[in-house]
N, C-alpha and C. Protein backbone atom coordinates (compact mmCIF):
# COMPACT_ATOMS: atom_id res chain seq x y z
N MET A 1 40.10 55.74 131.45
CA MET A 1 40.48 55.95 130.42
C MET A 1 40.97 57.21 129.95
N SER A 2 40.47 58.34 130.23
CA SER A 2 40.63 59.86 130.42
C SER A 2 41.82 60.16 130.67
N THR A 3 41.80 59.62 131.75
CA THR A 3 43.52 59.92 132.37
C THR A 3 44.67 59.32 131.14
N THR A 4 44.58 58.40 131.00
CA THR A 4 45.89 57.77 130.02
C THR A 4 46.23 58.74 128.57
N PRO A 5 44.73 59.17 127.92
CA PRO A 5 45.76 59.64 126.73
C PRO A 5 45.52 61.23 127.35
N ALA A 6 45.17 61.25 128.25
CA ALA A 6 45.81 62.80 128.91
C ALA A 6 47.53 62.51 129.03
N LEU A 7 47.40 61.73 129.98
CA LEU A 7 49.04 61.65 130.62
C LEU A 7 49.73 60.74 129.51
N SER A 8 49.51 60.45 128.50
CA SER A 8 50.26 60.43 127.04
C SER A 8 50.68 61.46 126.54
N CYS A 9 49.31 62.49 126.21
CA CYS A 9 49.77 63.63 125.78
C CYS A 9 50.64 64.42 126.64
N LEU A 10 50.58 64.55 127.73
CA LEU A 10 51.61 65.18 128.42
C LEU A 10 52.45 64.69 128.44
N ALA A 11 52.97 63.51 128.36
CA ALA A 11 54.43 62.91 127.88
C ALA A 11 54.99 62.93 127.15
N THR A 12 54.25 63.39 125.71
CA THR A 12 54.64 63.57 124.90
C THR A 12 54.92 64.75 124.14
N LEU A 13 54.03 66.07 124.96
CA LEU A 13 54.14 67.43 125.18
C LEU A 13 55.42 67.24 125.82
N ALA A 14 56.24 66.61 127.05
CA ALA A 14 57.63 66.74 127.54
C ALA A 14 58.45 66.45 126.84
N LEU A 15 58.28 65.29 126.15
CA LEU A 15 59.65 64.73 124.98
C LEU A 15 59.86 65.46 123.98
N ALA A 16 58.84 66.44 123.78
CA ALA A 16 58.87 67.37 122.46
C ALA A 16 59.46 68.81 122.66
N CYS A 17 59.06 68.78 124.25
CA CYS A 17 60.17 69.80 124.49
C CYS A 17 61.52 69.60 125.26
N ALA A 18 61.93 68.51 125.58
CA ALA A 18 62.93 68.45 125.82
C ALA A 18 63.96 67.83 125.05
N THR A 19 63.25 67.56 123.65
CA THR A 19 64.29 67.45 122.43
C THR A 19 64.40 68.68 121.93
N PHE A 20 63.26 69.46 121.67
CA PHE A 20 63.45 71.55 121.17
C PHE A 20 64.66 71.87 122.42
N GLU A 21 64.74 72.10 123.36
CA GLU A 21 65.23 72.04 124.34
C GLU A 21 67.14 71.84 123.72
N SER A 22 67.06 70.54 123.84
CA SER A 22 68.10 70.03 123.52
C SER A 22 69.03 70.22 122.02
N ARG A 23 67.84 70.35 121.13
CA ARG A 23 68.54 71.36 119.71
C ARG A 23 69.11 72.26 119.79
N GLU A 24 68.23 72.95 120.76
CA GLU A 24 68.41 74.39 120.94
C GLU A 24 69.94 74.97 121.85
N ALA A 25 69.91 74.01 122.66
CA ALA A 25 71.54 74.27 123.30
C ALA A 25 72.60 73.75 122.28
N ALA A 26 72.30 72.56 121.36
CA ALA A 26 73.11 72.33 120.76
C ALA A 26 73.74 72.98 119.72
N GLN A 27 72.49 73.65 119.42
CA GLN A 27 72.51 75.10 117.94
C GLN A 27 73.42 75.97 119.13
N ALA A 28 73.58 76.13 120.05
CA ALA A 28 73.92 77.56 121.05
C ALA A 28 75.21 77.47 121.17
N GLN A 29 75.98 75.93 121.30
CA GLN A 29 76.86 75.77 121.53
C GLN A 29 77.77 75.85 120.26
N ALA A 30 77.33 75.14 118.90
CA ALA A 30 77.96 75.67 117.94
C ALA A 30 78.27 76.84 117.02
N GLN A 31 77.45 77.72 117.56
CA GLN A 31 77.32 78.74 117.49
C GLN A 31 78.33 79.85 118.33
N SER A 32 78.16 79.43 119.89
CA SER A 32 79.10 79.25 120.37
C SER A 32 80.78 79.49 119.77
N ALA A 33 80.83 78.55 119.68
CA ALA A 33 81.88 77.62 119.29
C ALA A 33 82.69 78.47 117.44
N ASP A 34 81.68 78.86 117.08
CA ASP A 34 81.89 79.21 115.72
C ASP A 34 82.51 80.78 115.75
N LEU A 35 81.63 81.61 117.04
CA LEU A 35 82.06 82.63 117.34
C LEU A 35 83.61 83.01 117.78
N ALA A 36 83.89 81.70 118.94
CA ALA A 36 85.15 82.01 119.60
C ALA A 36 86.46 81.78 118.32
N ALA A 37 86.40 80.84 117.25
CA ALA A 37 86.82 80.56 116.29
C ALA A 37 87.23 81.65 115.23
N GLU A 38 86.07 82.45 115.26
CA GLU A 38 85.98 84.04 114.34
C GLU A 38 86.73 84.58 115.46
N VAL A 39 86.68 84.70 116.30
CA VAL A 39 87.19 85.99 117.39
C VAL A 39 88.67 85.24 117.31
N LEU A 40 89.00 84.48 117.54
CA LEU A 40 90.50 83.82 117.66
C LEU A 40 91.01 84.27 115.95
N ALA A 41 90.74 84.30 115.00
CA ALA A 41 91.15 84.22 113.81
C ALA A 41 91.48 85.79 113.70
N LEU A 42 90.18 86.59 113.97
CA LEU A 42 90.47 88.00 113.99
C LEU A 42 91.30 88.75 114.83
N LYS A 43 91.57 88.38 115.84
CA LYS A 43 92.64 88.51 116.69
C LYS A 43 94.27 88.45 116.42
N GLN A 44 94.42 87.15 115.79
CA GLN A 44 95.68 86.60 114.90
C GLN A 44 95.36 87.69 113.94
N SER A 45 94.67 88.26 113.09
CA SER A 45 94.65 88.91 111.64
C SER A 45 95.24 90.66 112.74
N VAL A 46 94.23 90.94 113.78
CA VAL A 46 94.59 92.11 114.08
C VAL A 46 96.34 91.80 115.00
N GLU A 47 96.70 91.09 115.29
CA GLU A 47 98.03 91.23 115.81
C GLU A 47 99.06 90.98 114.72
N ALA A 48 98.39 90.77 113.36
CA ALA A 48 99.76 90.90 112.36
C ALA A 48 99.58 91.88 111.69
N GLN A 49 98.36 92.48 111.99
CA GLN A 49 98.69 93.63 111.35
C GLN A 49 99.28 95.09 112.08
N ALA A 50 99.00 94.72 113.20
CA ALA A 50 100.31 95.72 114.34
C ALA A 50 101.40 95.24 113.76
N LYS A 51 101.70 94.28 114.01
CA LYS A 51 103.38 93.84 113.68
C LYS A 51 103.64 94.47 112.12
N ASP A 52 102.74 94.46 111.39
CA ASP A 52 103.22 95.44 109.97
C ASP A 52 103.10 97.10 110.63
N VAL A 53 102.70 97.60 110.93
CA VAL A 53 102.13 99.02 111.17
C VAL A 53 103.70 99.39 111.98
N ALA A 54 103.95 98.56 112.79
CA ALA A 54 104.74 98.62 114.22
C ALA A 54 106.49 98.59 113.18
N GLU A 55 106.36 97.24 112.13
CA GLU A 55 107.42 97.53 111.17
C GLU A 55 107.42 98.50 110.02
N ALA A 56 106.50 99.54 109.64
CA ALA A 56 106.22 100.21 108.48
C ALA A 56 106.79 101.45 109.34
N LYS A 57 106.30 101.91 110.82
CA LYS A 57 106.64 102.92 111.20
C LYS A 57 108.04 103.08 111.58
N GLN A 58 108.64 102.02 112.01
CA GLN A 58 110.22 101.52 111.89
C GLN A 58 110.74 102.13 110.45
N LEU A 59 110.55 101.35 109.39
CA LEU A 59 111.07 101.96 108.34
C LEU A 59 110.95 103.19 107.90
N ALA A 60 109.24 103.87 108.24
CA ALA A 60 109.73 105.31 107.93
C ALA A 60 110.84 106.29 108.75
N GLU A 61 110.91 105.85 109.56
CA GLU A 61 111.31 106.51 110.46
C GLU A 61 112.70 106.24 110.85
N LYS A 62 113.64 104.70 109.77
CA LYS A 62 115.07 104.95 109.45
C LYS A 62 115.00 106.11 107.84
N SER A 63 114.05 105.67 107.15
CA SER A 63 113.93 106.65 106.08
C SER A 63 113.74 107.68 105.94
N ALA A 64 113.13 108.93 107.18
CA ALA A 64 113.18 109.93 107.43
C ALA A 64 114.69 110.78 107.85
N ARG A 65 115.49 109.19 108.78
CA ARG A 65 116.70 109.59 109.25
C ARG A 65 117.73 109.49 107.97
N TYR A 66 117.43 108.85 107.54
CA TYR A 66 117.87 108.61 106.30
C TYR A 66 117.89 110.03 105.40
N ALA A 67 117.11 110.19 105.06
CA ALA A 67 116.89 111.42 104.38
C ALA A 67 117.31 112.86 105.06
N ALA A 68 117.73 112.85 106.07
CA ALA A 68 117.78 114.46 106.71
C ALA A 68 119.43 114.33 106.82
N GLU A 69 120.13 113.23 106.92
CA GLU A 69 121.96 112.64 106.89
C GLU A 69 122.35 113.34 105.75
N GLN A 70 121.33 113.03 104.56
CA GLN A 70 121.93 112.98 103.12
C GLN A 70 121.63 114.86 103.08
N ALA A 71 120.62 115.15 103.46
CA ALA A 71 120.43 116.67 103.66
C ALA A 71 121.89 117.52 104.00
N LYS A 72 121.91 117.03 105.25
CA LYS A 72 123.23 117.48 106.07
C LYS A 72 124.07 117.61 104.69
N ALA A 73 124.93 116.67 104.55
CA ALA A 73 125.88 116.23 103.71
C ALA A 73 126.05 116.62 102.07
N ALA A 74 124.56 116.91 102.21
CA ALA A 74 124.50 118.09 100.59
C ALA A 74 124.90 119.36 101.44
N ALA A 75 124.43 119.94 101.98
CA ALA A 75 124.84 121.38 102.43
C ALA A 75 126.07 121.06 102.91
N ALA A 76 126.80 120.40 103.57
CA ALA A 76 128.48 120.52 103.56
C ALA A 76 128.98 120.23 102.26
N LEU A 77 128.26 119.58 101.21
CA LEU A 77 129.21 119.62 100.15
C LEU A 77 128.72 120.91 99.67
N ALA A 78 128.03 121.68 99.40
CA ALA A 78 127.64 122.85 99.09
C ALA A 78 128.76 123.73 99.32
N ALA A 79 128.81 123.95 100.55
CA ALA A 79 130.13 125.08 101.29
C ALA A 79 131.20 124.43 100.46
N VAL A 80 131.67 123.14 100.74
CA VAL A 80 132.98 122.91 100.17
C VAL A 80 132.79 123.58 98.67
N LEU A 81 131.87 123.16 98.05
CA LEU A 81 132.22 123.92 96.87
C LEU A 81 132.41 125.75 96.42
N ASP A 82 131.76 126.07 97.41
CA ASP A 82 131.97 127.29 97.72
C ASP A 82 132.96 127.66 98.20
N GLU A 83 133.42 126.95 98.99
CA GLU A 83 135.40 127.05 99.47
C GLU A 83 136.18 126.91 98.35
N SER A 84 135.78 125.70 97.51
CA SER A 84 136.40 126.04 96.12
C SER A 84 136.79 126.40 95.44
N GLU A 85 135.25 126.95 95.17
CA GLU A 85 135.82 128.35 94.07
C GLU A 85 135.89 129.38 94.86
N LYS A 86 136.11 129.77 95.61
CA LYS A 86 136.54 130.99 95.80
C LYS A 86 138.15 130.53 96.25
N ALA A 87 139.00 129.55 96.48
CA ALA A 87 140.14 129.02 96.21
C ALA A 87 140.72 129.37 94.98
N GLY A 88 139.54 129.21 93.37
CA GLY A 88 140.09 129.81 92.87
C GLY A 88 140.19 128.46 91.55
N PHE A 89 139.10 127.61 92.14
CA PHE A 89 139.00 126.13 91.45
C PHE A 89 138.12 126.83 89.98
N THR A 90 137.60 127.80 89.58
CA THR A 90 137.14 127.96 88.26
C THR A 90 137.85 128.94 87.21
N TYR A 91 139.26 129.25 88.15
CA TYR A 91 139.67 129.41 87.11
C TYR A 91 141.26 128.59 86.72
N GLY A 92 141.81 128.82 85.27
CA GLY A 92 142.41 127.88 84.92
C GLY A 92 142.46 127.47 82.91
N ILE A 93 142.40 126.14 82.67
CA ILE A 93 142.01 125.49 81.49
C ILE A 93 140.13 125.83 81.12
N ASN A 94 139.81 126.34 80.58
CA ASN A 94 138.20 126.17 80.22
C ASN A 94 137.52 126.33 81.74
N PRO A 95 137.86 127.67 82.03
CA PRO A 95 136.79 127.87 83.04
C PRO A 95 135.49 127.67 83.22
N GLU A 96 134.60 128.33 81.93
CA GLU A 96 133.23 128.10 81.98
C GLU A 96 132.88 126.31 81.96
N SER A 97 133.18 125.72 82.13
CA SER A 97 133.25 124.06 82.02
C SER A 97 133.16 123.80 83.63
N ARG A 98 134.10 124.56 84.13
CA ARG A 98 133.85 124.26 85.93
C ARG A 98 132.91 125.35 86.62
N VAL A 99 132.49 125.96 85.78
CA VAL A 99 131.50 126.73 86.02
C VAL A 99 130.18 126.22 86.12
N VAL A 100 130.03 125.09 84.99
CA VAL A 100 129.16 124.53 84.77
C VAL A 100 128.88 123.59 85.57
N LEU A 101 129.79 123.29 85.91
CA LEU A 101 129.77 121.60 87.05
C LEU A 101 129.38 121.87 88.25
N LEU A 102 129.68 123.11 88.76
CA LEU A 102 129.94 123.67 90.04
C LEU A 102 128.20 123.89 89.84
N ARG A 103 127.92 124.41 89.25
CA ARG A 103 126.12 124.91 88.86
C ARG A 103 125.60 123.46 88.98
N GLY A 104 126.16 122.71 88.33
CA GLY A 104 125.17 121.33 88.12
C GLY A 104 125.34 120.73 89.51
N TRP A 105 126.24 120.79 90.28
CA TRP A 105 126.30 119.93 91.68
C TRP A 105 125.37 120.96 92.29
N ARG A 106 125.44 122.12 92.31
CA ARG A 106 124.67 122.93 93.29
C ARG A 106 123.16 122.45 93.50
N ASP A 107 123.03 122.48 92.17
CA ASP A 107 121.37 122.09 91.95
C ASP A 107 121.14 120.94 92.40
N ALA A 108 122.07 119.72 92.40
CA ALA A 108 121.47 118.29 92.52
C ALA A 108 121.51 118.42 94.58
N LEU A 109 122.40 119.30 94.60
CA LEU A 109 122.79 119.21 96.23
C LEU A 109 121.23 120.23 97.00
N ALA A 110 121.07 121.08 95.79
CA ALA A 110 120.05 121.84 96.33
C ALA A 110 118.62 121.11 96.25
N ALA A 111 118.46 120.23 95.36
CA ALA A 111 117.48 118.91 95.23
C ALA A 111 117.18 118.08 96.60
N ALA A 112 118.97 118.13 96.79
CA ALA A 112 118.64 116.46 97.70
C ALA A 112 118.43 117.55 99.43
N GLN A 113 118.49 118.75 99.53
CA GLN A 113 118.38 119.47 100.80
C GLN A 113 116.20 119.67 100.65
N ARG A 114 115.71 119.83 99.65
CA ARG A 114 114.20 120.25 99.41
C ARG A 114 113.38 119.05 99.75
N GLU A 115 112.62 119.54 100.52
CA GLU A 115 111.01 118.41 101.23
C GLU A 115 111.74 117.45 102.12
N VAL A 116 113.02 117.26 102.80
CA VAL A 116 113.10 116.36 103.41
C VAL A 116 111.98 116.20 104.51
N PRO A 117 111.43 115.19 104.69
CA PRO A 117 110.29 115.01 105.54
C PRO A 117 111.03 114.77 107.50
N PRO A 118 110.38 115.56 108.18
CA PRO A 118 110.90 115.61 109.69
C PRO A 118 110.86 114.41 109.88
N VAL A 119 112.20 113.91 111.03
CA VAL A 119 112.67 112.89 111.59
C VAL A 119 111.55 112.88 112.87
N PRO A 120 110.40 111.79 112.50
CA PRO A 120 109.44 111.84 114.06
C PRO A 120 110.23 111.36 115.28
N GLU A 121 109.82 111.95 116.62
CA GLU A 121 110.51 111.70 117.39
C GLU A 121 109.74 110.14 118.19
N PRO A 122 111.15 109.69 118.67
CA PRO A 122 110.80 108.18 119.05
C PRO A 122 109.66 108.34 119.76
N THR A 123 108.94 107.36 119.76
CA THR A 123 107.88 106.42 120.75
C THR A 123 108.19 105.81 121.52
N LYS A 124 107.70 105.34 122.79
CA LYS A 124 108.20 104.54 123.97
C LYS A 124 108.20 103.13 123.39
N THR A 125 107.77 102.73 122.65
CA THR A 125 107.78 101.49 122.21
C THR A 125 108.78 101.22 121.13
N ALA A 126 109.17 101.96 120.37
CA ALA A 126 110.69 101.98 119.53
C ALA A 126 111.42 102.41 120.22
N GLN A 127 112.08 103.03 121.33
CA GLN A 127 112.97 102.85 122.12
C GLN A 127 113.14 102.01 123.04
N ALA A 128 112.20 101.27 123.21
CA ALA A 128 112.14 99.87 123.73
C ALA A 128 112.76 99.02 122.89
N ARG A 129 112.43 98.99 121.84
CA ARG A 129 112.69 97.84 120.65
C ARG A 129 114.20 97.96 120.75
N ARG A 130 114.43 99.14 120.38
CA ARG A 130 116.19 99.20 120.39
C ARG A 130 117.16 98.80 121.73
């Protein structure tokens, strides 16, 4: 009779170990699935942010090119005002108002040419998109 309780105890112990291992495997599988879902969500988030950064960079490049073109136009207009003044624009009826007008235009043009951001060199990915 002593072998029956020992075998019974051994069988119970084996059943408990199998159940424990089964639970552990199920928990590990559930954790693995949760981690895979989290990795997928993070990957999608990173891809969306990368797209946003690329669009923001493209907009910044366009803005810098626009500002540079405006500065060039302001410089050209300032040269035209100088030429107009040399040709006699300020002479005639109420010349002081014309001098004030030229000064105002020149101030506005100088502001348009001040602190213009540099145009960045296009990157290889930006060139490939065009």
